[in-house]
N, C-alpha and C. Protein backbone atom coordinates (compact mmCIF):
# COMPACT_ATOMS: atom_id res chain seq x y z
N MET A 1 0.85 -1.17 0.00
CA MET A 1 0.00 0.00 0.00
C MET A 1 0.90 1.24 0.00
N VAL A 2 0.70 2.12 -0.97
CA VAL A 2 1.55 3.30 -1.11
C VAL A 2 0.66 4.54 -1.01
N PRO A 3 0.87 5.38 0.00
CA PRO A 3 -0.02 6.52 0.21
C PRO A 3 0.27 7.66 -0.75
N GLY A 4 -0.62 8.64 -0.75
CA GLY A 4 -0.42 9.83 -1.55
C GLY A 4 0.37 10.89 -0.80
N MET A 5 0.57 12.01 -1.46
CA MET A 5 1.29 13.12 -0.86
C MET A 5 0.58 13.59 0.41
N LEU A 6 1.37 13.85 1.44
CA LEU A 6 0.88 14.31 2.74
C LEU A 6 0.04 13.26 3.47
N CYS A 7 0.12 12.01 3.03
CA CYS A 7 -0.65 10.94 3.67
C CYS A 7 0.30 9.86 4.21
N ASP A 8 -0.19 9.12 5.20
CA ASP A 8 0.56 8.00 5.74
C ASP A 8 -0.36 6.78 5.81
N ALA A 9 0.01 5.77 6.57
CA ALA A 9 -0.74 4.52 6.60
C ALA A 9 -2.17 4.69 7.10
N ASP A 10 -2.45 5.78 7.81
CA ASP A 10 -3.82 6.01 8.28
C ASP A 10 -4.79 6.15 7.10
N LEU A 11 -4.29 6.48 5.93
CA LEU A 11 -5.14 6.56 4.74
C LEU A 11 -5.93 5.29 4.52
N TRP A 12 -5.34 4.15 4.87
CA TRP A 12 -5.93 2.85 4.58
C TRP A 12 -6.59 2.20 5.81
N SER A 13 -6.55 2.86 6.95
CA SER A 13 -6.90 2.19 8.20
C SER A 13 -8.38 1.85 8.34
N ASP A 14 -9.26 2.46 7.55
CA ASP A 14 -10.69 2.15 7.64
C ASP A 14 -11.11 1.04 6.69
N LEU A 15 -10.19 0.56 5.86
CA LEU A 15 -10.56 -0.51 4.93
C LEU A 15 -10.87 -1.79 5.70
N PRO A 16 -11.82 -2.58 5.21
CA PRO A 16 -12.02 -3.90 5.82
C PRO A 16 -10.76 -4.74 5.66
N GLU A 17 -10.64 -5.77 6.49
CA GLU A 17 -9.44 -6.59 6.48
C GLU A 17 -9.19 -7.19 5.10
N LEU A 18 -7.96 -7.11 4.66
CA LEU A 18 -7.56 -7.65 3.36
C LEU A 18 -6.81 -8.96 3.55
N PRO A 19 -6.87 -9.84 2.56
CA PRO A 19 -6.16 -11.12 2.69
C PRO A 19 -4.65 -10.93 2.61
N GLY A 20 -3.92 -11.75 3.33
CA GLY A 20 -2.47 -11.72 3.27
C GLY A 20 -1.87 -10.61 4.10
N GLU A 21 -0.56 -10.47 4.01
CA GLU A 21 0.17 -9.46 4.76
C GLU A 21 0.07 -8.11 4.07
N VAL A 22 -0.22 -7.06 4.81
CA VAL A 22 -0.29 -5.71 4.28
C VAL A 22 0.98 -4.96 4.69
N VAL A 23 1.70 -4.45 3.70
CA VAL A 23 2.93 -3.69 3.94
C VAL A 23 2.69 -2.25 3.52
N HIS A 24 2.97 -1.31 4.42
CA HIS A 24 2.80 0.12 4.13
C HIS A 24 4.16 0.70 3.75
N ALA A 25 4.31 1.02 2.47
CA ALA A 25 5.57 1.57 1.99
C ALA A 25 5.64 3.06 2.26
N GLU A 26 6.82 3.55 2.60
CA GLU A 26 7.06 4.97 2.76
C GLU A 26 7.63 5.54 1.47
N ILE A 27 7.27 6.78 1.15
CA ILE A 27 7.82 7.46 -0.02
C ILE A 27 8.37 8.80 0.45
N THR A 28 9.68 8.83 0.67
CA THR A 28 10.34 10.00 1.24
C THR A 28 11.52 10.49 0.41
N GLU A 29 11.85 9.80 -0.67
CA GLU A 29 12.97 10.22 -1.51
C GLU A 29 12.57 11.42 -2.36
N THR A 30 13.53 12.03 -3.02
CA THR A 30 13.28 13.27 -3.77
C THR A 30 13.07 13.04 -5.27
N THR A 31 13.03 11.79 -5.69
CA THR A 31 12.73 11.45 -7.09
C THR A 31 11.73 10.31 -7.12
N ILE A 32 10.98 10.22 -8.22
CA ILE A 32 10.05 9.11 -8.39
C ILE A 32 10.82 7.79 -8.45
N GLY A 33 11.98 7.79 -9.10
CA GLY A 33 12.79 6.58 -9.15
C GLY A 33 13.24 6.14 -7.77
N GLY A 34 13.66 7.09 -6.94
CA GLY A 34 14.06 6.75 -5.58
C GLY A 34 12.90 6.20 -4.77
N MET A 35 11.73 6.77 -4.96
CA MET A 35 10.54 6.26 -4.27
C MET A 35 10.19 4.85 -4.75
N ALA A 36 10.32 4.61 -6.05
CA ALA A 36 10.05 3.27 -6.58
C ALA A 36 11.00 2.25 -5.96
N ASP A 37 12.26 2.65 -5.77
CA ASP A 37 13.21 1.75 -5.12
C ASP A 37 12.80 1.49 -3.67
N GLN A 38 12.25 2.49 -2.99
CA GLN A 38 11.76 2.28 -1.62
C GLN A 38 10.66 1.23 -1.59
N VAL A 39 9.73 1.30 -2.56
CA VAL A 39 8.64 0.33 -2.62
C VAL A 39 9.19 -1.06 -2.91
N LEU A 40 10.09 -1.17 -3.86
CA LEU A 40 10.63 -2.47 -4.24
C LEU A 40 11.45 -3.11 -3.12
N SER A 41 12.04 -2.29 -2.28
CA SER A 41 12.84 -2.83 -1.19
C SER A 41 12.01 -3.10 0.07
N ALA A 42 10.73 -2.70 0.06
CA ALA A 42 9.89 -2.89 1.25
C ALA A 42 9.45 -4.33 1.43
N VAL A 43 9.45 -5.10 0.33
CA VAL A 43 9.03 -6.51 0.39
C VAL A 43 9.95 -7.33 -0.51
N ASP A 44 9.98 -8.63 -0.26
CA ASP A 44 10.73 -9.54 -1.11
C ASP A 44 9.78 -10.23 -2.08
N GLY A 45 10.27 -10.54 -3.26
CA GLY A 45 9.50 -11.33 -4.20
C GLY A 45 8.33 -10.58 -4.81
N GLU A 46 7.30 -11.34 -5.11
CA GLU A 46 6.13 -10.80 -5.82
C GLU A 46 5.14 -10.18 -4.83
N PHE A 47 4.46 -9.14 -5.28
CA PHE A 47 3.49 -8.46 -4.43
C PHE A 47 2.45 -7.76 -5.29
N ALA A 48 1.28 -7.51 -4.71
CA ALA A 48 0.28 -6.64 -5.32
C ALA A 48 0.53 -5.23 -4.82
N LEU A 49 0.37 -4.23 -5.69
CA LEU A 49 0.66 -2.85 -5.35
C LEU A 49 -0.62 -2.02 -5.50
N VAL A 50 -0.96 -1.29 -4.45
CA VAL A 50 -2.09 -0.37 -4.50
C VAL A 50 -1.58 1.00 -4.07
N GLY A 51 -1.76 1.99 -4.92
CA GLY A 51 -1.28 3.33 -4.60
C GLY A 51 -2.32 4.39 -4.90
N LEU A 52 -2.31 5.46 -4.12
CA LEU A 52 -3.21 6.58 -4.33
C LEU A 52 -2.43 7.82 -4.71
N SER A 53 -2.84 8.48 -5.77
CA SER A 53 -2.28 9.75 -6.20
C SER A 53 -0.77 9.61 -6.43
N LEU A 54 0.07 10.30 -5.66
CA LEU A 54 1.52 10.14 -5.82
C LEU A 54 1.94 8.69 -5.62
N GLY A 55 1.26 7.96 -4.74
CA GLY A 55 1.59 6.55 -4.53
C GLY A 55 1.40 5.72 -5.79
N ALA A 56 0.36 6.03 -6.57
CA ALA A 56 0.14 5.32 -7.83
C ALA A 56 1.15 5.75 -8.89
N ILE A 57 1.53 7.04 -8.87
CA ILE A 57 2.57 7.51 -9.79
C ILE A 57 3.88 6.76 -9.54
N VAL A 58 4.19 6.56 -8.27
CA VAL A 58 5.36 5.73 -7.93
C VAL A 58 5.13 4.31 -8.41
N GLY A 59 3.90 3.82 -8.30
CA GLY A 59 3.57 2.49 -8.79
C GLY A 59 3.82 2.33 -10.28
N PHE A 60 3.53 3.37 -11.06
CA PHE A 60 3.81 3.29 -12.50
C PHE A 60 5.30 3.06 -12.74
N GLU A 61 6.14 3.73 -11.95
CA GLU A 61 7.58 3.55 -12.10
C GLU A 61 8.01 2.15 -11.67
N VAL A 62 7.35 1.60 -10.65
CA VAL A 62 7.62 0.22 -10.25
C VAL A 62 7.29 -0.72 -11.41
N LEU A 63 6.17 -0.48 -12.09
CA LEU A 63 5.80 -1.31 -13.25
C LEU A 63 6.86 -1.20 -14.34
N ARG A 64 7.42 -0.02 -14.52
CA ARG A 64 8.45 0.15 -15.54
C ARG A 64 9.71 -0.62 -15.19
N ARG A 65 10.07 -0.62 -13.90
CA ARG A 65 11.33 -1.22 -13.48
C ARG A 65 11.25 -2.71 -13.22
N ALA A 66 10.14 -3.17 -12.67
CA ALA A 66 10.06 -4.58 -12.25
C ALA A 66 8.64 -5.12 -12.42
N PRO A 67 8.11 -5.13 -13.64
CA PRO A 67 6.73 -5.59 -13.83
C PRO A 67 6.51 -7.04 -13.41
N GLU A 68 7.57 -7.84 -13.48
CA GLU A 68 7.44 -9.26 -13.13
C GLU A 68 7.19 -9.47 -11.64
N ARG A 69 7.46 -8.47 -10.83
CA ARG A 69 7.25 -8.61 -9.38
C ARG A 69 5.84 -8.20 -8.95
N VAL A 70 5.09 -7.55 -9.82
CA VAL A 70 3.78 -7.01 -9.45
C VAL A 70 2.68 -7.94 -9.94
N SER A 71 2.00 -8.60 -9.01
CA SER A 71 0.95 -9.56 -9.39
C SER A 71 -0.34 -8.87 -9.76
N ALA A 72 -0.59 -7.68 -9.23
CA ALA A 72 -1.80 -6.91 -9.53
C ALA A 72 -1.53 -5.47 -9.13
N PHE A 73 -2.19 -4.54 -9.82
CA PHE A 73 -1.92 -3.12 -9.60
C PHE A 73 -3.21 -2.35 -9.46
N GLY A 74 -3.34 -1.60 -8.37
CA GLY A 74 -4.49 -0.73 -8.15
C GLY A 74 -4.05 0.72 -8.15
N ALA A 75 -4.65 1.54 -9.01
CA ALA A 75 -4.31 2.95 -9.13
C ALA A 75 -5.52 3.79 -8.75
N LEU A 76 -5.40 4.57 -7.69
CA LEU A 76 -6.50 5.36 -7.18
C LEU A 76 -6.19 6.85 -7.30
N SER A 77 -7.15 7.62 -7.80
CA SER A 77 -7.08 9.09 -7.75
C SER A 77 -5.73 9.61 -8.23
N THR A 78 -5.40 9.37 -9.50
CA THR A 78 -4.04 9.64 -9.95
C THR A 78 -3.97 10.18 -11.36
N ASN A 79 -2.76 10.33 -11.85
CA ASN A 79 -2.51 10.90 -13.17
C ASN A 79 -1.24 10.26 -13.73
N ALA A 80 -1.36 9.63 -14.90
CA ALA A 80 -0.20 8.99 -15.53
C ALA A 80 0.51 9.91 -16.52
N GLY A 81 0.06 11.16 -16.63
CA GLY A 81 0.69 12.09 -17.55
C GLY A 81 1.91 12.76 -16.95
N ALA A 82 2.67 13.42 -17.80
CA ALA A 82 3.83 14.19 -17.35
C ALA A 82 3.35 15.47 -16.67
N PRO A 83 4.18 16.06 -15.83
CA PRO A 83 3.78 17.31 -15.16
C PRO A 83 3.51 18.43 -16.16
N ARG A 84 2.49 19.22 -15.87
CA ARG A 84 2.18 20.39 -16.68
C ARG A 84 2.96 21.60 -16.15
N PRO A 85 3.18 22.60 -16.99
CA PRO A 85 3.90 23.80 -16.51
C PRO A 85 3.23 24.46 -15.31
N ASP A 86 1.91 24.50 -15.28
CA ASP A 86 1.23 25.13 -14.14
C ASP A 86 1.44 24.31 -12.86
N GLN A 87 1.53 22.99 -13.00
CA GLN A 87 1.81 22.17 -11.82
C GLN A 87 3.21 22.44 -11.29
N ARG A 88 4.18 22.51 -12.18
CA ARG A 88 5.55 22.77 -11.75
C ARG A 88 5.64 24.11 -11.01
N ARG A 89 4.96 25.12 -11.53
CA ARG A 89 4.98 26.43 -10.86
C ARG A 89 4.33 26.34 -9.48
N ALA A 90 3.23 25.60 -9.38
CA ALA A 90 2.55 25.46 -8.10
C ALA A 90 3.43 24.72 -7.09
N TRP A 91 4.12 23.67 -7.52
CA TRP A 91 4.98 22.91 -6.60
C TRP A 91 6.15 23.77 -6.12
N GLU A 92 6.72 24.58 -7.01
CA GLU A 92 7.81 25.46 -6.61
C GLU A 92 7.33 26.48 -5.58
N ARG A 93 6.15 27.03 -5.80
CA ARG A 93 5.59 28.00 -4.85
C ARG A 93 5.32 27.33 -3.51
N GLN A 94 4.73 26.14 -3.53
CA GLN A 94 4.41 25.45 -2.28
C GLN A 94 5.67 25.08 -1.50
N ALA A 95 6.72 24.71 -2.22
CA ALA A 95 7.96 24.34 -1.54
C ALA A 95 8.57 25.52 -0.78
N ALA A 96 8.33 26.74 -1.29
CA ALA A 96 8.88 27.93 -0.66
C ALA A 96 7.94 28.55 0.37
N ALA A 97 6.71 28.09 0.43
CA ALA A 97 5.70 28.70 1.30
C ALA A 97 5.69 28.07 2.68
N ASP A 98 4.94 28.68 3.59
CA ASP A 98 4.76 28.13 4.93
C ASP A 98 4.00 26.81 4.85
N PHE A 99 4.51 25.78 5.50
CA PHE A 99 3.93 24.44 5.40
C PHE A 99 2.47 24.40 5.85
N ASP A 100 2.18 24.97 7.01
CA ASP A 100 0.81 24.93 7.52
C ASP A 100 -0.15 25.65 6.59
N GLU A 101 0.29 26.74 5.99
CA GLU A 101 -0.57 27.47 5.06
C GLU A 101 -0.84 26.65 3.80
N VAL A 102 0.15 25.92 3.32
CA VAL A 102 -0.04 25.08 2.14
C VAL A 102 -1.02 23.95 2.45
N VAL A 103 -0.89 23.33 3.61
CA VAL A 103 -1.81 22.25 3.99
C VAL A 103 -3.24 22.77 4.02
N GLU A 104 -3.46 23.93 4.60
CA GLU A 104 -4.80 24.51 4.63
C GLU A 104 -5.28 24.85 3.22
N GLU A 105 -4.37 25.22 2.36
CA GLU A 105 -4.72 25.57 0.98
C GLU A 105 -5.21 24.35 0.20
N VAL A 106 -4.53 23.21 0.38
CA VAL A 106 -4.89 22.02 -0.41
C VAL A 106 -6.03 21.22 0.21
N LEU A 107 -6.32 21.47 1.48
CA LEU A 107 -7.32 20.69 2.19
C LEU A 107 -8.68 20.62 1.48
N PRO A 108 -9.24 21.73 0.98
CA PRO A 108 -10.57 21.65 0.36
C PRO A 108 -10.64 20.71 -0.85
N ALA A 109 -9.51 20.49 -1.52
CA ALA A 109 -9.50 19.63 -2.71
C ALA A 109 -9.42 18.15 -2.38
N MET A 110 -9.25 17.81 -1.12
CA MET A 110 -9.06 16.41 -0.75
C MET A 110 -10.37 15.62 -0.72
N PHE A 111 -11.48 16.31 -0.46
CA PHE A 111 -12.75 15.62 -0.26
C PHE A 111 -13.84 16.23 -1.13
N ALA A 112 -14.87 15.45 -1.38
CA ALA A 112 -16.01 15.94 -2.17
C ALA A 112 -16.70 17.10 -1.45
N GLU A 113 -16.76 17.03 -0.12
CA GLU A 113 -17.35 18.10 0.68
C GLU A 113 -16.22 18.90 1.32
N SER A 114 -16.20 20.21 1.06
CA SER A 114 -15.09 21.03 1.56
C SER A 114 -15.04 21.07 3.07
N ARG A 115 -16.18 20.86 3.75
CA ARG A 115 -16.20 20.83 5.21
C ARG A 115 -16.37 19.40 5.72
N SER A 116 -15.77 18.46 5.03
CA SER A 116 -15.91 17.05 5.38
C SER A 116 -15.46 16.81 6.83
N PRO A 117 -16.18 15.96 7.56
CA PRO A 117 -15.73 15.59 8.91
C PRO A 117 -14.42 14.83 8.92
N LEU A 118 -13.97 14.41 7.74
CA LEU A 118 -12.70 13.69 7.63
C LEU A 118 -11.49 14.62 7.54
N ARG A 119 -11.74 15.90 7.50
CA ARG A 119 -10.64 16.85 7.31
C ARG A 119 -9.58 16.72 8.41
N ASP A 120 -10.00 16.43 9.65
CA ASP A 120 -9.03 16.29 10.74
C ASP A 120 -8.13 15.08 10.53
N ARG A 121 -8.65 14.04 9.88
CA ARG A 121 -7.81 12.87 9.57
C ARG A 121 -6.69 13.28 8.61
N PHE A 122 -7.04 14.05 7.60
CA PHE A 122 -6.02 14.51 6.65
C PHE A 122 -5.01 15.42 7.34
N LEU A 123 -5.49 16.34 8.16
CA LEU A 123 -4.59 17.25 8.86
C LEU A 123 -3.63 16.49 9.78
N GLY A 124 -4.12 15.42 10.41
CA GLY A 124 -3.26 14.61 11.26
C GLY A 124 -2.17 13.92 10.46
N MET A 125 -2.53 13.38 9.29
CA MET A 125 -1.52 12.75 8.44
C MET A 125 -0.49 13.77 7.98
N ALA A 126 -0.96 14.94 7.55
CA ALA A 126 -0.05 15.97 7.07
C ALA A 126 0.92 16.41 8.16
N GLU A 127 0.42 16.53 9.39
CA GLU A 127 1.30 16.91 10.50
C GLU A 127 2.38 15.86 10.74
N ARG A 128 1.99 14.57 10.64
CA ARG A 128 2.99 13.51 10.84
C ARG A 128 4.00 13.48 9.69
N ILE A 129 3.56 13.76 8.48
CA ILE A 129 4.48 13.79 7.33
C ILE A 129 5.48 14.92 7.50
N GLY A 130 5.00 16.10 7.81
CA GLY A 130 5.87 17.23 8.10
C GLY A 130 6.45 17.91 6.86
N PRO A 131 7.02 19.10 7.05
CA PRO A 131 7.48 19.90 5.91
C PRO A 131 8.65 19.30 5.14
N GLU A 132 9.56 18.62 5.83
CA GLU A 132 10.74 18.09 5.13
C GLU A 132 10.34 17.02 4.12
N THR A 133 9.53 16.06 4.56
CA THR A 133 9.10 15.02 3.63
C THR A 133 8.19 15.58 2.56
N PHE A 134 7.34 16.56 2.92
CA PHE A 134 6.47 17.19 1.93
C PHE A 134 7.29 17.82 0.81
N ARG A 135 8.34 18.52 1.17
CA ARG A 135 9.18 19.15 0.13
C ARG A 135 9.89 18.10 -0.71
N ALA A 136 10.27 16.98 -0.10
CA ALA A 136 10.84 15.88 -0.88
C ALA A 136 9.81 15.34 -1.87
N GLN A 137 8.56 15.24 -1.44
CA GLN A 137 7.50 14.74 -2.32
C GLN A 137 7.24 15.72 -3.46
N LEU A 138 7.27 17.00 -3.17
CA LEU A 138 7.12 18.00 -4.24
C LEU A 138 8.25 17.88 -5.26
N ALA A 139 9.47 17.71 -4.77
CA ALA A 139 10.62 17.56 -5.67
C ALA A 139 10.46 16.31 -6.53
N ALA A 140 9.97 15.22 -5.91
CA ALA A 140 9.79 13.98 -6.66
C ALA A 140 8.73 14.14 -7.75
N GLN A 141 7.66 14.84 -7.44
CA GLN A 141 6.61 15.06 -8.45
C GLN A 141 7.20 15.67 -9.71
N ALA A 142 8.13 16.58 -9.54
CA ALA A 142 8.71 17.27 -10.70
C ALA A 142 9.58 16.35 -11.55
N THR A 143 9.95 15.17 -11.04
CA THR A 143 10.81 14.25 -11.80
C THR A 143 10.00 13.19 -12.54
N ARG A 144 8.70 13.19 -12.36
CA ARG A 144 7.92 12.12 -12.97
C ARG A 144 7.81 12.33 -14.48
N THR A 145 7.60 11.26 -15.20
CA THR A 145 7.43 11.29 -16.65
C THR A 145 6.13 10.59 -17.02
N GLU A 146 5.69 10.78 -18.25
CA GLU A 146 4.49 10.10 -18.71
C GLU A 146 4.67 8.59 -18.56
N ALA A 147 3.64 7.92 -18.05
CA ALA A 147 3.79 6.51 -17.66
C ALA A 147 2.97 5.55 -18.50
N PHE A 148 2.39 6.00 -19.60
CA PHE A 148 1.52 5.12 -20.37
C PHE A 148 2.27 3.93 -20.97
N ASP A 149 3.55 4.11 -21.27
CA ASP A 149 4.33 2.99 -21.79
C ASP A 149 4.48 1.90 -20.74
N ALA A 150 4.71 2.30 -19.49
CA ALA A 150 4.85 1.32 -18.41
C ALA A 150 3.55 0.59 -18.18
N ILE A 151 2.43 1.29 -18.27
CA ILE A 151 1.11 0.67 -18.09
C ILE A 151 0.84 -0.32 -19.23
N ALA A 152 1.13 0.10 -20.45
CA ALA A 152 0.88 -0.77 -21.61
C ALA A 152 1.77 -2.01 -21.59
N GLY A 153 2.95 -1.90 -21.00
CA GLY A 153 3.86 -3.04 -20.97
C GLY A 153 3.61 -4.02 -19.85
N TYR A 154 2.62 -3.74 -19.01
CA TYR A 154 2.31 -4.60 -17.88
C TYR A 154 1.12 -5.49 -18.23
N ASP A 155 1.26 -6.81 -18.01
CA ASP A 155 0.20 -7.73 -18.43
C ASP A 155 -0.66 -8.25 -17.27
N GLY A 156 -0.46 -7.73 -16.07
CA GLY A 156 -1.27 -8.13 -14.93
C GLY A 156 -2.57 -7.34 -14.85
N PRO A 157 -3.45 -7.69 -13.91
CA PRO A 157 -4.71 -6.97 -13.76
C PRO A 157 -4.50 -5.59 -13.17
N VAL A 158 -5.21 -4.62 -13.73
CA VAL A 158 -5.12 -3.23 -13.28
C VAL A 158 -6.54 -2.75 -12.94
N ARG A 159 -6.73 -2.30 -11.72
CA ARG A 159 -8.02 -1.75 -11.31
C ARG A 159 -7.81 -0.28 -10.99
N VAL A 160 -8.58 0.59 -11.65
CA VAL A 160 -8.43 2.03 -11.53
C VAL A 160 -9.68 2.60 -10.86
N LEU A 161 -9.49 3.34 -9.77
CA LEU A 161 -10.60 3.90 -9.01
C LEU A 161 -10.47 5.41 -8.97
N CYS A 162 -11.62 6.09 -9.14
CA CYS A 162 -11.63 7.54 -9.01
C CYS A 162 -12.98 7.99 -8.49
N GLY A 163 -13.01 9.17 -7.90
CA GLY A 163 -14.26 9.78 -7.47
C GLY A 163 -14.74 10.77 -8.51
N ASP A 164 -16.04 10.82 -8.73
CA ASP A 164 -16.54 11.74 -9.76
C ASP A 164 -16.52 13.20 -9.30
N GLN A 165 -16.14 13.45 -8.04
CA GLN A 165 -16.01 14.82 -7.53
C GLN A 165 -14.56 15.15 -7.21
N ASP A 166 -13.61 14.42 -7.78
CA ASP A 166 -12.19 14.65 -7.52
C ASP A 166 -11.74 15.92 -8.25
N ALA A 167 -11.39 16.95 -7.48
CA ALA A 167 -10.98 18.22 -8.07
C ALA A 167 -9.54 18.19 -8.58
N LEU A 168 -8.76 17.22 -8.15
CA LEU A 168 -7.34 17.15 -8.52
C LEU A 168 -7.09 16.23 -9.71
N CYS A 169 -7.76 15.09 -9.75
CA CYS A 169 -7.55 14.09 -10.80
C CYS A 169 -8.90 13.69 -11.38
N PRO A 170 -9.36 14.37 -12.41
CA PRO A 170 -10.69 14.09 -12.97
C PRO A 170 -10.76 12.73 -13.66
N ASN A 171 -11.99 12.34 -13.98
CA ASN A 171 -12.23 11.01 -14.55
C ASN A 171 -11.41 10.75 -15.81
N GLY A 172 -11.22 11.77 -16.62
CA GLY A 172 -10.49 11.58 -17.87
C GLY A 172 -9.09 11.04 -17.68
N PHE A 173 -8.43 11.44 -16.60
CA PHE A 173 -7.10 10.92 -16.31
C PHE A 173 -7.15 9.39 -16.17
N HIS A 174 -8.17 8.92 -15.50
CA HIS A 174 -8.29 7.50 -15.19
C HIS A 174 -8.75 6.69 -16.42
N GLU A 175 -9.60 7.29 -17.22
CA GLU A 175 -10.01 6.63 -18.46
C GLU A 175 -8.81 6.39 -19.36
N GLU A 176 -7.88 7.36 -19.38
CA GLU A 176 -6.69 7.21 -20.21
C GLU A 176 -5.80 6.08 -19.70
N ILE A 177 -5.70 5.93 -18.39
CA ILE A 177 -4.92 4.83 -17.83
C ILE A 177 -5.50 3.48 -18.26
N VAL A 178 -6.81 3.34 -18.16
CA VAL A 178 -7.46 2.09 -18.52
C VAL A 178 -7.30 1.80 -20.01
N ARG A 179 -7.32 2.84 -20.84
CA ARG A 179 -7.16 2.62 -22.29
C ARG A 179 -5.81 2.01 -22.62
N HIS A 180 -4.81 2.28 -21.80
CA HIS A 180 -3.48 1.74 -22.07
C HIS A 180 -3.22 0.40 -21.39
N ALA A 181 -4.06 0.00 -20.46
CA ALA A 181 -3.84 -1.24 -19.72
C ALA A 181 -4.46 -2.42 -20.47
N SER A 182 -3.70 -3.50 -20.59
CA SER A 182 -4.21 -4.66 -21.31
C SER A 182 -5.31 -5.38 -20.54
N ARG A 183 -5.29 -5.25 -19.20
CA ARG A 183 -6.32 -5.90 -18.37
C ARG A 183 -6.87 -4.90 -17.36
N GLY A 184 -7.25 -3.72 -17.86
CA GLY A 184 -7.68 -2.65 -16.99
C GLY A 184 -9.19 -2.58 -16.81
N ARG A 185 -9.60 -2.08 -15.66
CA ARG A 185 -11.01 -1.86 -15.38
C ARG A 185 -11.15 -0.59 -14.54
N LEU A 186 -12.10 0.26 -14.90
CA LEU A 186 -12.31 1.53 -14.22
C LEU A 186 -13.56 1.48 -13.36
N HIS A 187 -13.44 2.03 -12.15
CA HIS A 187 -14.58 2.18 -11.25
C HIS A 187 -14.66 3.64 -10.82
N VAL A 188 -15.76 4.29 -11.14
CA VAL A 188 -15.99 5.68 -10.76
C VAL A 188 -16.95 5.70 -9.58
N LEU A 189 -16.52 6.25 -8.46
CA LEU A 189 -17.32 6.26 -7.24
C LEU A 189 -18.10 7.57 -7.16
N SER A 190 -19.40 7.45 -7.16
CA SER A 190 -20.27 8.62 -7.17
C SER A 190 -20.19 9.39 -5.86
N GLY A 191 -20.09 10.70 -5.98
CA GLY A 191 -20.09 11.57 -4.81
C GLY A 191 -18.82 11.57 -4.01
N ALA A 192 -17.75 10.97 -4.54
CA ALA A 192 -16.48 10.86 -3.80
C ALA A 192 -15.45 11.81 -4.40
N GLY A 193 -14.51 12.23 -3.55
CA GLY A 193 -13.45 13.12 -3.98
C GLY A 193 -12.13 12.39 -4.16
N HIS A 194 -11.05 13.00 -3.65
CA HIS A 194 -9.70 12.50 -3.93
C HIS A 194 -9.26 11.37 -3.01
N LEU A 195 -9.57 11.49 -1.72
CA LEU A 195 -9.07 10.51 -0.75
C LEU A 195 -10.10 9.39 -0.56
N LEU A 196 -10.21 8.56 -1.59
CA LEU A 196 -11.24 7.51 -1.63
C LEU A 196 -11.20 6.55 -0.45
N PRO A 197 -10.02 6.10 0.02
CA PRO A 197 -10.04 5.13 1.13
C PRO A 197 -10.64 5.69 2.41
N LEU A 198 -10.62 7.01 2.59
CA LEU A 198 -11.26 7.61 3.74
C LEU A 198 -12.75 7.84 3.50
N GLU A 199 -13.09 8.27 2.30
CA GLU A 199 -14.49 8.60 2.00
C GLU A 199 -15.35 7.37 1.72
N ARG A 200 -14.75 6.35 1.08
CA ARG A 200 -15.52 5.16 0.68
C ARG A 200 -14.75 3.88 1.05
N PRO A 201 -14.44 3.68 2.33
CA PRO A 201 -13.57 2.55 2.70
C PRO A 201 -14.14 1.18 2.37
N ALA A 202 -15.45 0.97 2.56
CA ALA A 202 -16.03 -0.34 2.29
C ALA A 202 -15.96 -0.69 0.81
N VAL A 203 -16.29 0.27 -0.04
CA VAL A 203 -16.27 0.03 -1.49
C VAL A 203 -14.84 -0.17 -1.97
N VAL A 204 -13.94 0.70 -1.53
CA VAL A 204 -12.54 0.58 -1.93
C VAL A 204 -11.96 -0.75 -1.47
N GLY A 205 -12.25 -1.14 -0.23
CA GLY A 205 -11.75 -2.41 0.28
C GLY A 205 -12.25 -3.59 -0.52
N ALA A 206 -13.54 -3.58 -0.89
CA ALA A 206 -14.11 -4.68 -1.68
C ALA A 206 -13.46 -4.76 -3.05
N LEU A 207 -13.21 -3.62 -3.68
CA LEU A 207 -12.59 -3.61 -5.00
C LEU A 207 -11.14 -4.06 -4.94
N ILE A 208 -10.43 -3.67 -3.88
CA ILE A 208 -9.04 -4.14 -3.73
C ILE A 208 -9.02 -5.65 -3.51
N ARG A 209 -9.93 -6.14 -2.71
CA ARG A 209 -10.00 -7.60 -2.49
C ARG A 209 -10.22 -8.33 -3.82
N ARG A 210 -11.11 -7.82 -4.64
CA ARG A 210 -11.35 -8.46 -5.94
C ARG A 210 -10.12 -8.39 -6.83
N LEU A 211 -9.39 -7.28 -6.76
CA LEU A 211 -8.16 -7.17 -7.51
C LEU A 211 -7.14 -8.20 -7.05
N LEU A 212 -7.01 -8.37 -5.75
CA LEU A 212 -6.06 -9.35 -5.23
C LEU A 212 -6.42 -10.76 -5.67
N GLU A 213 -7.71 -11.05 -5.70
CA GLU A 213 -8.14 -12.38 -6.15
C GLU A 213 -7.81 -12.59 -7.62
N ARG A 214 -7.93 -11.55 -8.43
CA ARG A 214 -7.60 -11.65 -9.85
C ARG A 214 -6.10 -11.82 -10.05
N GLY A 215 -5.30 -11.26 -9.11
CA GLY A 215 -3.86 -11.31 -9.26
C GLY A 215 -3.22 -12.58 -8.74
N GLU A 216 -4.01 -13.46 -8.12
CA GLU A 216 -3.43 -14.71 -7.60
C GLU A 216 -2.91 -15.57 -8.73
N ARG A 217 -1.75 -16.18 -8.51
CA ARG A 217 -1.16 -17.02 -9.55
C ARG A 217 -0.87 -18.41 -9.02
């Protein structure tokens, strides 16, 4: 399980119990490649990978580097495209700004409801991540490249989840991922925003379980 930017293992804590051992990978390096190496070194042998947002972007790089180790791949609330100029400018500004102010700035985009009761969960994760790791994650975002080749070259099952109210990663991003996946399937969750495991834990957990069952060899 690979969390998104400003998130930690609490992102997944409301999911129903999943089969097998669950490993929570950390992503603290300053490049997507370095983060992919962190994921690959977190477990031995073959594994299923589920990532949200930046976690899924790191997952794309894992698919590029070691597709034979990934039995199944779940991509939630993400973007397989290269960074846009406006994104790069925003990341540079955020890296130079006050950390607490940036967290408050991005908070409304995390959930379908801007005053979601889950906002304190996100703020708690962001506080634990802290400014140093956040700036490393911003730097890593700037190193990412278009990942459609890595997706197309992977022959395992791919399940793509998104919320129809996601202000950061709209449905079109996810449709494009599925178009490139040889065994891809898209699930759009009605009324959900960016942090799907917090907003829709039962549905997300059920879909991940089905993905794991498809990935068994």
